[in-house]
C-alpha atoms as a PDB file:
ATOM      1  CA  MET A   1      93.285 244.736  88.610  1.00  0.00           C
ATOM      2  CA  ASP A   2      90.914 241.602  87.298  1.00  0.00           C
ATOM      3  CA  THR A   3      93.556 238.241  86.723  1.00  0.00           C
ATOM      4  CA  PRO A   4      93.875 236.407  83.334  1.00  0.00           C
ATOM      5  CA  LEU A   5      91.468 233.597  83.012  1.00  0.00           C
ATOM      6  CA  ASP A   6      94.512 231.271  82.052  1.00  0.00           C
ATOM      7  CA  LEU A   7      93.798 228.998  78.773  1.00  0.00           C
ATOM      8  CA  GLY A   8      96.227 226.440  79.236  1.00  0.00           C
ATOM      9  CA  VAL A   9      97.930 225.217  76.194  1.00  0.00           C
ATOM     10  CA  VAL A  10      96.085 225.322  72.572  1.00  0.00           C
ATOM     11  CA  GLY A  11      96.266 222.955  70.058  1.00  0.00           C
ATOM     12  CA  ALA A  12      95.341 220.018  69.752  1.00  0.00           C
ATOM     13  CA  PRO A  13      94.800 217.357  71.880  1.00  0.00           C
ATOM     14  CA  PRO A  14      97.796 214.384  71.703  1.00  0.00           C
ATOM     15  CA  ASP A  15      96.549 211.257  70.930  1.00  0.00           C
ATOM     16  CA  GLU A  16      94.870 209.584  73.889  1.00  0.00           C
ATOM     17  CA  PRO A  17      97.069 206.325  75.044  1.00  0.00           C
ATOM     18  CA  ASP A  18      95.876 202.541  74.395  1.00  0.00           C
ATOM     19  CA  GLU A  19      94.137 201.091  77.116  1.00  0.00           C
ATOM     20  CA  GLU A  20      96.451 198.186  77.524  1.00  0.00           C
ATOM     21  CA  PRO A  21      99.852 197.779  75.747  1.00  0.00           C
ATOM     22  CA  PRO A  22     100.562 194.367  73.794  1.00  0.00           C
ATOM     23  CA  ARG A  23     102.105 191.708  76.111  1.00  0.00           C
ATOM     24  CA  GLY A  24     104.693 190.292  74.253  1.00  0.00           C
ATOM     25  CA  ARG A  25     105.009 186.823  73.662  1.00  0.00           C
ATOM     26  CA  GLY A  26     109.016 186.031  75.560  1.00  0.00           C
ATOM     27  CA  GLY A  27     106.898 185.551  78.709  1.00  0.00           C
ATOM     28  CA  TRP A  28     104.777 182.508  77.573  1.00  0.00           C
ATOM     29  CA  ARG A  29     107.738 181.184  76.066  1.00  0.00           C
ATOM     30  CA  VAL A  30     109.341 181.153  79.422  1.00  0.00           C
ATOM     31  CA  TRP A  31     106.723 180.223  81.681  1.00  0.00           C
ATOM     32  CA  THR A  32     106.520 177.081  78.296  1.00  0.00           C
ATOM     33  CA  ALA A  33     110.213 176.475  78.101  1.00  0.00           C
ATOM     34  CA  ILE A  34     110.401 176.396  82.536  1.00  0.00           C
ATOM     35  CA  ALA A  35     107.100 173.586  82.409  1.00  0.00           C
ATOM     36  CA  ALA A  36     108.400 171.508  79.451  1.00  0.00           C
ATOM     37  CA  ALA A  37     112.155 170.885  81.613  1.00  0.00           C
ATOM     38  CA  PHE A  38     109.309 170.007  84.766  1.00  0.00           C
ATOM     39  CA  VAL A  39     107.570 167.644  82.156  1.00  0.00           C
ATOM     40  CA  LEU A  40     111.041 166.133  80.753  1.00  0.00           C
ATOM     41  CA  GLY A  41     112.925 165.750  84.181  1.00  0.00           C
ATOM     42  CA  GLY A  42     109.719 164.445  85.666  1.00  0.00           C
ATOM     43  CA  GLY A  43     109.362 161.838  83.415  1.00  0.00           C
ATOM     44  CA  LEU A  44     113.317 161.470  82.542  1.00  0.00           C
ATOM     45  CA  GLY A  45     113.551 160.459  86.785  1.00  0.00           C
ATOM     46  CA  LEU A  46     110.621 157.586  85.417  1.00  0.00           C
ATOM     47  CA  PHE A  47     112.712 155.962  82.605  1.00  0.00           C
ATOM     48  CA  VAL A  48     115.999 156.434  84.960  1.00  0.00           C
ATOM     49  CA  ALA A  49     113.763 154.381  87.480  1.00  0.00           C
ATOM     50  CA  ASP A  50     112.730 152.197  85.306  1.00  0.00           C
ATOM     51  CA  ALA A  51     115.719 151.555  83.814  1.00  0.00           C
ATOM     52  CA  ARG A  52     117.342 150.616  87.835  1.00  0.00           C
ATOM     53  CA  GLU A  53     114.067 148.782  88.593  1.00  0.00           C
ATOM     54  CA  ASP A  54     115.154 146.539  85.167  1.00  0.00           C
ATOM     55  CA  ALA A  55     118.348 146.294  85.926  1.00  0.00           C
ATOM     56  CA  ALA A  56     117.784 145.106  89.510  1.00  0.00           C
ATOM     57  CA  SER A  57     115.101 142.946  87.742  1.00  0.00           C
ATOM     58  CA  TYR A  58     117.271 141.635  84.792  1.00  0.00           C
ATOM     59  CA  SER A  59     120.817 140.416  87.723  1.00  0.00           C
ATOM     60  CA  ASP A  60     118.260 139.019  90.040  1.00  0.00           C
ATOM     61  CA  VAL A  61     118.640 135.107  90.100  1.00  0.00           C
ATOM     62  CA  ARG A  62     117.078 132.439  92.264  1.00  0.00           C
ATOM     63  CA  LEU A  63     118.346 129.022  91.624  1.00  0.00           C
ATOM     64  CA  VAL A  64     117.725 125.840  93.793  1.00  0.00           C
ATOM     65  CA  SER A  65     118.481 122.797  93.171  1.00  0.00           C
ATOM     66  CA  GLY A  66     116.742 118.935  92.952  1.00  0.00           C
ATOM     67  CA  ALA A  67     118.334 115.272  92.751  1.00  0.00           C
ATOM     68  CA  LEU A  68     120.575 114.401  91.100  1.00  0.00           C
ATOM     69  CA  GLN A  69     120.537 112.270  87.878  1.00  0.00           C
ATOM     70  CA  ALA A  70     123.499 110.923  87.347  1.00  0.00           C
ATOM     71  CA  ILE A  71     126.416 110.463  90.286  1.00  0.00           C
ATOM     72  CA  PRO A  72     130.392 109.210  89.323  1.00  0.00           C
ATOM     73  CA  ASP A  73     131.544 106.152  91.213  1.00  0.00           C
ATOM     74  CA  ARG A  74     134.899 108.262  90.575  1.00  0.00           C
ATOM     75  CA  ALA A  75     136.177 111.500  90.088  1.00  0.00           C
ATOM     76  CA  ASP A  76     140.181 111.396  89.608  1.00  0.00           C
ATOM     77  CA  GLU A  77     142.583 112.840  86.818  1.00  0.00           C
ATOM     78  CA  GLU A  78     142.995 109.838  85.419  1.00  0.00           C
ATOM     79  CA  SER A  79     138.559 109.510  85.807  1.00  0.00           C
ATOM     80  CA  PRO A  80     137.209 112.608  85.563  1.00  0.00           C
ATOM     81  CA  GLY A  81     133.331 112.536  87.137  1.00  0.00           C
ATOM     82  CA  ARG A  82     130.375 113.413  85.926  1.00  0.00           C
ATOM     83  CA  ILE A  83     126.722 115.420  86.971  1.00  0.00           C
ATOM     84  CA  GLN A  84     123.348 115.984  85.626  1.00  0.00           C
ATOM     85  CA  LEU A  85     121.782 118.283  88.458  1.00  0.00           C
ATOM     86  CA  SER A  86     117.734 119.296  88.424  1.00  0.00           C
ATOM     87  CA  LEU A  87     117.659 122.821  89.254  1.00  0.00           C
ATOM     88  CA  LEU A  88     114.298 125.212  89.529  1.00  0.00           C
ATOM     89  CA  ASN A  89     114.448 128.736  88.096  1.00  0.00           C
ATOM     90  CA  LEU A  90     112.667 130.742  90.789  1.00  0.00           C
ATOM     91  CA  GLY A  91     113.377 134.269  89.317  1.00  0.00           C
ATOM     92  CA  GLU A  92     110.855 136.724  86.723  1.00  0.00           C
ATOM     93  CA  HIS A  93     113.252 136.326  83.883  1.00  0.00           C
ATOM     94  CA  GLU A  94     115.176 133.284  81.700  1.00  0.00           C
ATOM     95  CA  VAL A  95     118.682 132.353  82.799  1.00  0.00           C
ATOM     96  CA  GLU A  96     121.311 130.692  81.059  1.00  0.00           C
ATOM     97  CA  ILE A  97     123.401 127.400  82.913  1.00  0.00           C
ATOM     98  CA  LEU A  98     127.179 127.830  82.055  1.00  0.00           C
ATOM     99  CA  GLY A  99     128.473 125.249  84.285  1.00  0.00           C
ATOM    100  CA  LEU A 100     128.756 124.077  87.802  1.00  0.00           C
ATOM    101  CA  GLU A 101     130.854 123.930  91.217  1.00  0.00           C
ATOM    102  CA  LEU A 102     130.843 121.561  93.394  1.00  0.00           C
ATOM    103  CA  PRO A 103     131.778 120.993  97.414  1.00  0.00           C
ATOM    104  CA  GLY A 104     135.129 119.881  97.168  1.00  0.00           C
ATOM    105  CA  MET A 105     136.079 119.503  93.477  1.00  0.00           C
ATOM    106  CA  THR A 106     137.255 121.179  90.989  1.00  0.00           C
ATOM    107  CA  VAL A 107     136.894 121.032  87.035  1.00  0.00           C
ATOM    108  CA  ARG A 108     139.570 119.594  85.226  1.00  0.00           C
ATOM    109  CA  PRO A 109     140.988 122.659  83.351  1.00  0.00           C
ATOM    110  CA  ASP A 110     141.189 121.248  79.604  1.00  0.00           C
ATOM    111  CA  ASP A 111     137.541 120.365  79.983  1.00  0.00           C
ATOM    112  CA  GLU A 112     135.340 121.476  77.183  1.00  0.00           C
ATOM    113  CA  PRO A 113     132.376 123.601  79.044  1.00  0.00           C
ATOM    114  CA  SER A 114     129.043 122.427  78.315  1.00  0.00           C
ATOM    115  CA  ALA A 115     125.929 124.191  76.179  1.00  0.00           C
ATOM    116  CA  PRO A 116     124.354 126.347  77.982  1.00  0.00           C
ATOM    117  CA  VAL A 117     121.044 125.346  79.237  1.00  0.00           C
ATOM    118  CA  ALA A 118     118.380 127.767  79.223  1.00  0.00           C
ATOM    119  CA  ALA A 119     116.153 127.638  82.344  1.00  0.00           C
ATOM    120  CA  PRO A 120     112.856 129.854  81.585  1.00  0.00           C
ATOM    121  CA  PRO A 121     110.809 131.301  85.078  1.00  0.00           C
ATOM    122  CA  GLY A 122     109.218 128.690  87.059  1.00  0.00           C
ATOM    123  CA  GLU A 123     110.564 125.845  85.079  1.00  0.00           C
ATOM    124  CA  TRP A 124     112.821 122.372  86.083  1.00  0.00           C
ATOM    125  CA  VAL A 125     115.806 121.976  84.129  1.00  0.00           C
ATOM    126  CA  SER A 126     119.176 119.234  84.187  1.00  0.00           C
ATOM    127  CA  ALA A 127     122.013 120.791  83.904  1.00  0.00           C
ATOM    128  CA  GLY A 128     125.683 119.011  83.983  1.00  0.00           C
ATOM    129  CA  GLN A 129     129.341 119.384  84.733  1.00  0.00           C
ATOM    130  CA  ASP A 130     131.860 116.910  83.015  1.00  0.00           C
ATOM    131  CA  GLY A 131     135.592 117.264  84.079  1.00  0.00           C
ATOM    132  CA  LEU A 132     134.933 117.055  88.067  1.00  0.00           C
ATOM    133  CA  ILE A 133     137.845 115.694  90.020  1.00  0.00           C
ATOM    134  CA  ALA A 134     137.637 115.395  93.667  1.00  0.00           C
ATOM    135  CA  ASP A 135     139.913 116.728  96.206  1.00  0.00           C
ATOM    136  CA  CYS A 136     139.592 113.614  98.365  1.00  0.00           C
ATOM    137  CA  ALA A 137     143.178 114.552 100.393  1.00  0.00           C
ATOM    138  CA  GLY A 138     141.481 117.277 101.566  1.00  0.00           C
ATOM    139  CA  THR A 139     138.542 117.688 104.841  1.00  0.00           C
ATOM    140  CA  ASP A 140     135.123 117.459 104.563  1.00  0.00           C
ATOM    141  CA  PRO A 141     133.317 120.432 102.826  1.00  0.00           C
ATOM    142  CA  GLY A 142     130.261 119.228 105.180  1.00  0.00           C
ATOM    143  CA  ASP A 143     126.518 119.449 104.460  1.00  0.00           C
ATOM    144  CA  ASP A 144     126.221 123.956 104.248  1.00  0.00           C
ATOM    145  CA  ALA A 145     128.535 124.168 102.183  1.00  0.00           C
ATOM    146  CA  PRO A 146     127.341 125.818  98.477  1.00  0.00           C
ATOM    147  CA  VAL A 147     126.755 125.145  95.661  1.00  0.00           C
ATOM    148  CA  ARG A 148     127.801 127.510  92.451  1.00  0.00           C
ATOM    149  CA  VAL A 149     126.357 127.207  89.342  1.00  0.00           C
ATOM    150  CA  ARG A 150     127.783 129.484  86.809  1.00  0.00           C
ATOM    151  CA  VAL A 151     124.869 131.728  84.895  1.00  0.00           C
ATOM    152  CA  ARG A 152     124.349 134.046  82.440  1.00  0.00           C
ATOM    153  CA  ASP A 153     121.771 136.510  83.773  1.00  0.00           C
ATOM    154  CA  ALA A 154     118.476 138.354  82.017  1.00  0.00           C
ATOM    155  CA  GLY A 155     121.252 141.183  81.398  1.00  0.00           C
ATOM    156  CA  GLY A 156     123.610 139.393  80.176  1.00  0.00           C
ATOM    157  CA  THR A 157     125.995 139.628  83.148  1.00  0.00           C
ATOM    158  CA  GLU A 158     127.879 135.756  83.407  1.00  0.00           C
ATOM    159  CA  ARG A 159     128.625 135.285  87.427  1.00  0.00           C
ATOM    160  CA  LEU A 160     128.751 132.498  90.403  1.00  0.00           C
ATOM    161  CA  VAL A 161     126.019 132.045  92.030  1.00  0.00           C
ATOM    162  CA  GLU A 162     125.249 130.044  95.434  1.00  0.00           C
ATOM    163  CA  VAL A 163     122.159 127.827  95.288  1.00  0.00           C
ATOM    164  CA  GLY A 164     120.614 125.976  98.156  1.00  0.00           C
ATOM    165  CA  ALA A 165     119.000 122.359  97.721  1.00  0.00           C
ATOM    166  CA  LEU A 166     115.048 121.602  98.316  1.00  0.00           C
ATOM    167  CA  PRO A 167     114.317 120.002 101.860  1.00  0.00           C
ATOM    168  CA  ASP A 168     114.878 116.317 101.183  1.00  0.00           C
ATOM    169  CA  PHE A 169     117.146 116.822  98.270  1.00  0.00           C
ATOM    170  CA  GLY A 170     120.795 115.867  99.911  1.00  0.00           C
ATOM    171  CA  GLY A 171     121.745 116.788  95.978  1.00  0.00           C
ATOM    172  CA  ALA A 172     125.181 117.776  94.691  1.00  0.00           C
ATOM    173  CA  LEU A 173     126.181 118.462  98.180  1.00  0.00           C
ATOM    174  CA  GLU A 174     126.414 114.296  98.299  1.00  0.00           C
ATOM    175  CA  VAL A 175     128.818 113.682  95.837  1.00  0.00           C
ATOM    176  CA  TRP A 176     131.925 114.564  97.789  1.00  0.00           C
ATOM    177  CA  GLY A 177     131.174 112.321 100.243  1.00  0.00           C
ATOM    178  CA  TYR A 178     129.741 109.347  98.259  1.00  0.00           C
ATOM    179  CA  VAL A 179     133.072 109.598  95.793  1.00  0.00           C
ATOM    180  CA  CYS A 180     135.354 109.976  99.014  1.00  0.00           C
ATOM    181  CA  ARG A 181     133.756 107.890 101.566  1.00  0.00           C
ATOM    182  CA  GLY A 182     132.125 105.639  99.081  1.00  0.00           C
ATOM    183  CA  PRO A 183     128.392 103.982  98.871  1.00  0.00           C
ATOM    184  CA  GLU A 184     126.751 103.519 102.347  1.00  0.00           C
ATOM    185  CA  LEU A 185     124.674 101.363 103.550  1.00  0.00           C
ATOM    186  CA  VAL A 186     121.423 102.070 103.498  1.00  0.00           C
ATOM    187  CA  PHE A 187     117.923 100.839 105.896  1.00  0.00           C
ATOM    188  CA  PRO A 188     114.692 102.732 104.088  1.00  0.00           C
ATOM    189  CA  GLY A 189     112.802 102.171 106.857  1.00  0.00           C
ATOM    190  CA  GLY A 190     112.423 100.799 110.558  1.00  0.00           C
ATOM    191  CA  ALA A 191     112.937  97.112 111.873  1.00  0.00           C
ATOM    192  CA  THR A 192     109.379  94.659 111.578  1.00  0.00           C
ATOM    193  CA  VAL A 193     110.246  92.655 115.381  1.00  0.00           C
ATOM    194  CA  ARG A 194     108.202  89.377 116.111  1.00  0.00           C
ATOM    195  CA  VAL A 195     108.224  87.803 119.541  1.00  0.00           C
ATOM    196  CA  ASN A 196     108.984  84.033 119.803  1.00  0.00           C
ATOM    197  CA  ASP A 197     107.537  81.300 121.730  1.00  0.00           C
ATOM    198  CA  ASP A 198     110.674  81.142 123.527  1.00  0.00           C
ATOM    199  CA  GLY A 199     110.098  85.149 124.682  1.00  0.00           C
ATOM    200  CA  SER A 200     113.429  86.566 122.568  1.00  0.00           C
ATOM    201  CA  VAL A 201     112.270  89.124 120.127  1.00  0.00           C
ATOM    202  CA  THR A 202     113.353  89.048 116.299  1.00  0.00           C
ATOM    203  CA  THR A 203     113.699  92.119 114.980  1.00  0.00           C
ATOM    204  CA  THR A 204     114.156  91.878 110.632  1.00  0.00           C
ATOM    205  CA  LEU A 205     116.539  94.925 109.275  1.00  0.00           C
ATOM    206  CA  GLN A 206     116.016  96.147 105.508  1.00  0.00           C
ATOM    207  CA  VAL A 207     119.290  97.247 103.911  1.00  0.00           C
ATOM    208  CA  ALA A 208     120.615  98.160 100.917  1.00  0.00           C
ATOM    209  CA  ASN A 209     123.739  99.204  99.161  1.00  0.00           C
ATOM    210  CA  SER A 210     123.109 102.404  97.791  1.00  0.00           C
ATOM    211  CA  GLY A 211     126.222 102.028  95.608  1.00  0.00           C
ATOM    212  CA  SER A 212     127.024 100.514  91.931  1.00  0.00           C
ATOM    213  CA  GLU A 213     129.115  97.759  93.116  1.00  0.00           C
ATOM    214  CA  PRO A 214     128.335  95.265  95.259  1.00  0.00           C
ATOM    215  CA  MET A 215     128.968  95.765  98.945  1.00  0.00           C
ATOM    216  CA  GLU A 216     130.840  93.219 101.768  1.00  0.00           C
ATOM    217  CA  ILE A 217     129.254  93.678 105.182  1.00  0.00           C
ATOM    218  CA  SER A 218     132.321  92.526 107.924  1.00  0.00           C
ATOM    219  CA  ARG A 219     130.273  92.799 111.168  1.00  0.00           C
ATOM    220  CA  PHE A 220     127.047  93.456 112.108  1.00  0.00           C
ATOM    221  CA  GLN A 221     126.060  92.504 115.293  1.00  0.00           C
ATOM    222  CA  THR A 222     125.025  94.523 117.791  1.00  0.00           C
ATOM    223  CA  LEU A 223     125.625  97.869 121.274  1.00  0.00           C
ATOM    224  CA  ALA A 224     123.215  96.432 124.013  1.00  0.00           C
ATOM    225  CA  PRO A 225     124.411  96.122 127.615  1.00  0.00           C
ATOM    226  CA  GLY A 226     122.894  92.935 129.613  1.00  0.00           C
ATOM    227  CA  LEU A 227     121.782  91.648 125.679  1.00  0.00           C
ATOM    228  CA  SER A 228     122.803  89.204 123.324  1.00  0.00           C
ATOM    229  CA  THR A 229     122.060  88.796 120.043  1.00  0.00           C
ATOM    230  CA  THR A 230     122.023  86.210 116.861  1.00  0.00           C
ATOM    231  CA  GLY A 231     122.420  88.056 113.617  1.00  0.00           C
ATOM    232  CA  PRO A 232     123.834  87.545 109.776  1.00  0.00           C
ATOM    233  CA  GLU A 233     126.912  85.402 109.345  1.00  0.00           C
ATOM    234  CA  VAL A 234     129.758  87.454 108.160  1.00  0.00           C
ATOM    235  CA  PRO A 235     131.445  88.788 105.595  1.00  0.00           C
ATOM    236  CA  PHE A 236     128.358  89.186 103.564  1.00  0.00           C
ATOM    237  CA  GLU A 237     127.436  90.332 100.308  1.00  0.00           C
ATOM    238  CA  LEU A 238     125.556  93.266  98.856  1.00  0.00           C
ATOM    239  CA  PRO A 239     124.396  93.411  95.384  1.00  0.00           C
ATOM    240  CA  PRO A 240     124.427  96.929  94.144  1.00  0.00           C
ATOM    241  CA  ASN A 241     121.214  98.804  93.913  1.00  0.00           C
ATOM    242  CA  GLU A 242     119.435  96.576  96.086  1.00  0.00           C
ATOM    243  CA  ALA A 243     118.057  95.248  99.567  1.00  0.00           C
ATOM    244  CA  LEU A 244     118.427  92.906 102.143  1.00  0.00           C
ATOM    245  CA  ASP A 245     116.705  92.324 105.124  1.00  0.00           C
ATOM    246  CA  VAL A 246     118.008  91.137 107.713  1.00  0.00           C
ATOM    247  CA  PRO A 247     116.713  89.423 111.159  1.00  0.00           C
ATOM    248  CA  VAL A 248     118.360  89.837 114.066  1.00  0.00           C
ATOM    249  CA  THR A 249     117.518  87.490 117.588  1.00  0.00           C
ATOM    250  CA  TRP A 250     117.749  89.654 120.755  1.00  0.00           C
ATOM    251  CA  THR A 251     117.659  87.687 124.564  1.00  0.00           C
ATOM    252  CA  VAL A 252     118.397  88.661 128.335  1.00  0.00           C
ATOM    253  CA  THR A 253     121.271  87.663 129.178  1.00  0.00           C
ATOM    254  CA  ASP A 254     122.247  89.836 132.178  1.00  0.00           C
ATOM    255  CA  CYS A 255     119.537  91.451 134.388  1.00  0.00           C
ATOM    256  CA  ARG A 256     121.069  93.957 136.119  1.00  0.00           C
ATOM    257  CA  LEU A 257     123.143  94.604 132.698  1.00  0.00           C
ATOM    258  CA  ALA A 258     119.512  95.606 130.805  1.00  0.00           C
ATOM    259  CA  LEU A 259     117.888  97.039 133.673  1.00  0.00           C
ATOM    260  CA  GLN A 260     120.305  99.647 133.177  1.00  0.00           C
ATOM    261  CA  TRP A 261     118.385  99.994 129.599  1.00  0.00           C
ATOM    262  CA  VAL A 262     120.760 101.268 126.570  1.00  0.00           C
ATOM    263  CA  ALA A 263     119.053 102.170 124.074  1.00  0.00           C
ATOM    264  CA  PRO A 264     120.322  99.688 121.780  1.00  0.00           C
ATOM    265  CA  GLU A 265     122.287  99.707 118.180  1.00  0.00           C
ATOM    266  CA  ILE A 266     123.407  98.027 115.163  1.00  0.00           C
ATOM    267  CA  GLU A 267     127.214  98.687 114.727  1.00  0.00           C
ATOM    268  CA  TYR A 268     128.162  97.987 111.027  1.00  0.00           C
ATOM    269  CA  SER A 269     131.563  97.373 109.473  1.00  0.00           C
ATOM    270  CA  ILE A 270     132.352  97.792 105.224  1.00  0.00           C
ATOM    271  CA  GLY A 271     134.946  95.908 103.598  1.00  0.00           C
ATOM    272  CA  SER A 272     137.590  94.460 105.454  1.00  0.00           C
ATOM    273  CA  GLY A 273     141.125  95.316 106.662  1.00  0.00           C
ATOM    274  CA  THR A 274     142.096  98.844 106.454  1.00  0.00           C
ATOM    275  CA  THR A 275     140.338  99.805 104.538  1.00  0.00           C
ATOM    276  CA  SER A 276     136.702  98.700 106.075  1.00  0.00           C
ATOM    277  CA  MET A 277     134.338 101.533 106.732  1.00  0.00           C
ATOM    278  CA  PRO A 278     132.326 101.471 110.315  1.00  0.00           C
ATOM    279  CA  GLY A 279     128.577 102.594 111.258  1.00  0.00           C
ATOM    280  CA  TRP A 280     125.834 102.776 113.541  1.00  0.00           C
ATOM    281  CA  HIS A 281     121.950 101.962 112.889  1.00  0.00           C
ATOM    282  CA  PRO A 282     119.934 102.774 116.465  1.00  0.00           C
ATOM    283  CA  LEU A 283     117.409 100.578 116.601  1.00  0.00           C
ATOM    284  CA  THR A 284     113.572 103.178 117.393  1.00  0.00           C
ATOM    285  CA  GLY A 285     110.205 103.141 117.533  1.00  0.00           C
ATOM    286  CA  ALA A 286     107.829  99.473 117.686  1.00  0.00           C
ATOM    287  CA  ALA A 287     111.805  97.805 118.071  1.00  0.00           C
ATOM    288  CA  GLN A 288     112.749  99.262 120.572  1.00  0.00           C
ATOM    289  CA  ALA A 289     109.465  99.503 122.845  1.00  0.00           C
ATOM    290  CA  GLU A 290     109.177  95.030 122.231  1.00  0.00           C
ATOM    291  CA  LEU A 291     112.999  95.041 123.186  1.00  0.00           C
ATOM    292  CA  ILE A 292     112.026  97.164 126.759  1.00  0.00           C
ATOM    293  CA  LEU A 293     108.896  94.510 127.020  1.00  0.00           C
ATOM    294  CA  MET A 294     111.314  91.755 126.890  1.00  0.00           C
ATOM    295  CA  VAL A 295     113.521  92.980 129.756  1.00  0.00           C
ATOM    296  CA  ASP A 296     110.204  94.117 131.724  1.00  0.00           C
ATOM    297  CA  ARG A 297     109.350  89.531 131.537  1.00  0.00           C
ATOM    298  CA  VAL A 298     112.118  88.236 131.658  1.00  0.00           C
ATOM    299  CA  CYS A 299     113.955  90.641 134.236  1.00  0.00           C
ATOM    300  CA  GLY A 300     110.743  92.389 136.598  1.00  0.00           C
ATOM    301  CA  ASP A 301     111.761  94.486 139.021  1.00  0.00           C
ATOM    302  CA  GLY A 302     114.648  93.247 139.562  1.00  0.00           C
ATOM    303  CA  PRO A 303     117.935  91.269 138.330  1.00  0.00           C
END
């Protein structure tokens, strides 16, 4: 018997499914949120980095000192000193100068602080400090001791910074020595030289008083074996802030010692008695050369 034909299910065909189900919007929202997070995170990172860089820039303080515009003759409890110091701002932002701290010196505790001084970038300003008291009983702070400046940086922070001095400007480093050791005898330039008819040599040195009071020179002689000198009568007085030409005439007295040749020096003393302060100044350059020629003319190859 033949197998009946299978016609399947008879009835209306089911609805055709859509070609592609509609995509929900949830996936786009997730990826958009992730991308925004990356963008926001990157921008926040740049913002934080910039903020840190700005903060570092604001806290960067670079100052150098120049010339002293005023220097005290005294700096003690009875008469505290005051200085005016030139400062140059080498940084990128304006800072405020609030005060100065000098090596070997303190500021009187009850002294009123000076008004802040604005120091724009690349500009010289003059800052002052009152109430200075020198510790002359202490040790010499030396030329390497730092000068410190109280500043308010561009970020608003107050702090102390160390400053150096430009070349040829001792600046505030000289204050302690000036106050505690007193004024110095200064030799502004080299000696001029003249050969005399009798074969002697006259050297003329210019000396100056760096102080504001008259200076007494109690000794002005030479240290040169085999040579003798005729110099100024001592003591003599040197007015403040003035220079004086001091001639010294040299002759040979002992060829044996002179031919051993020890570089000559001027030995001097400021003041007298227990308060006198000794000093030495070498003769160099043309003056020393002419003295060597003098010894050669007088002594030849031997005594």
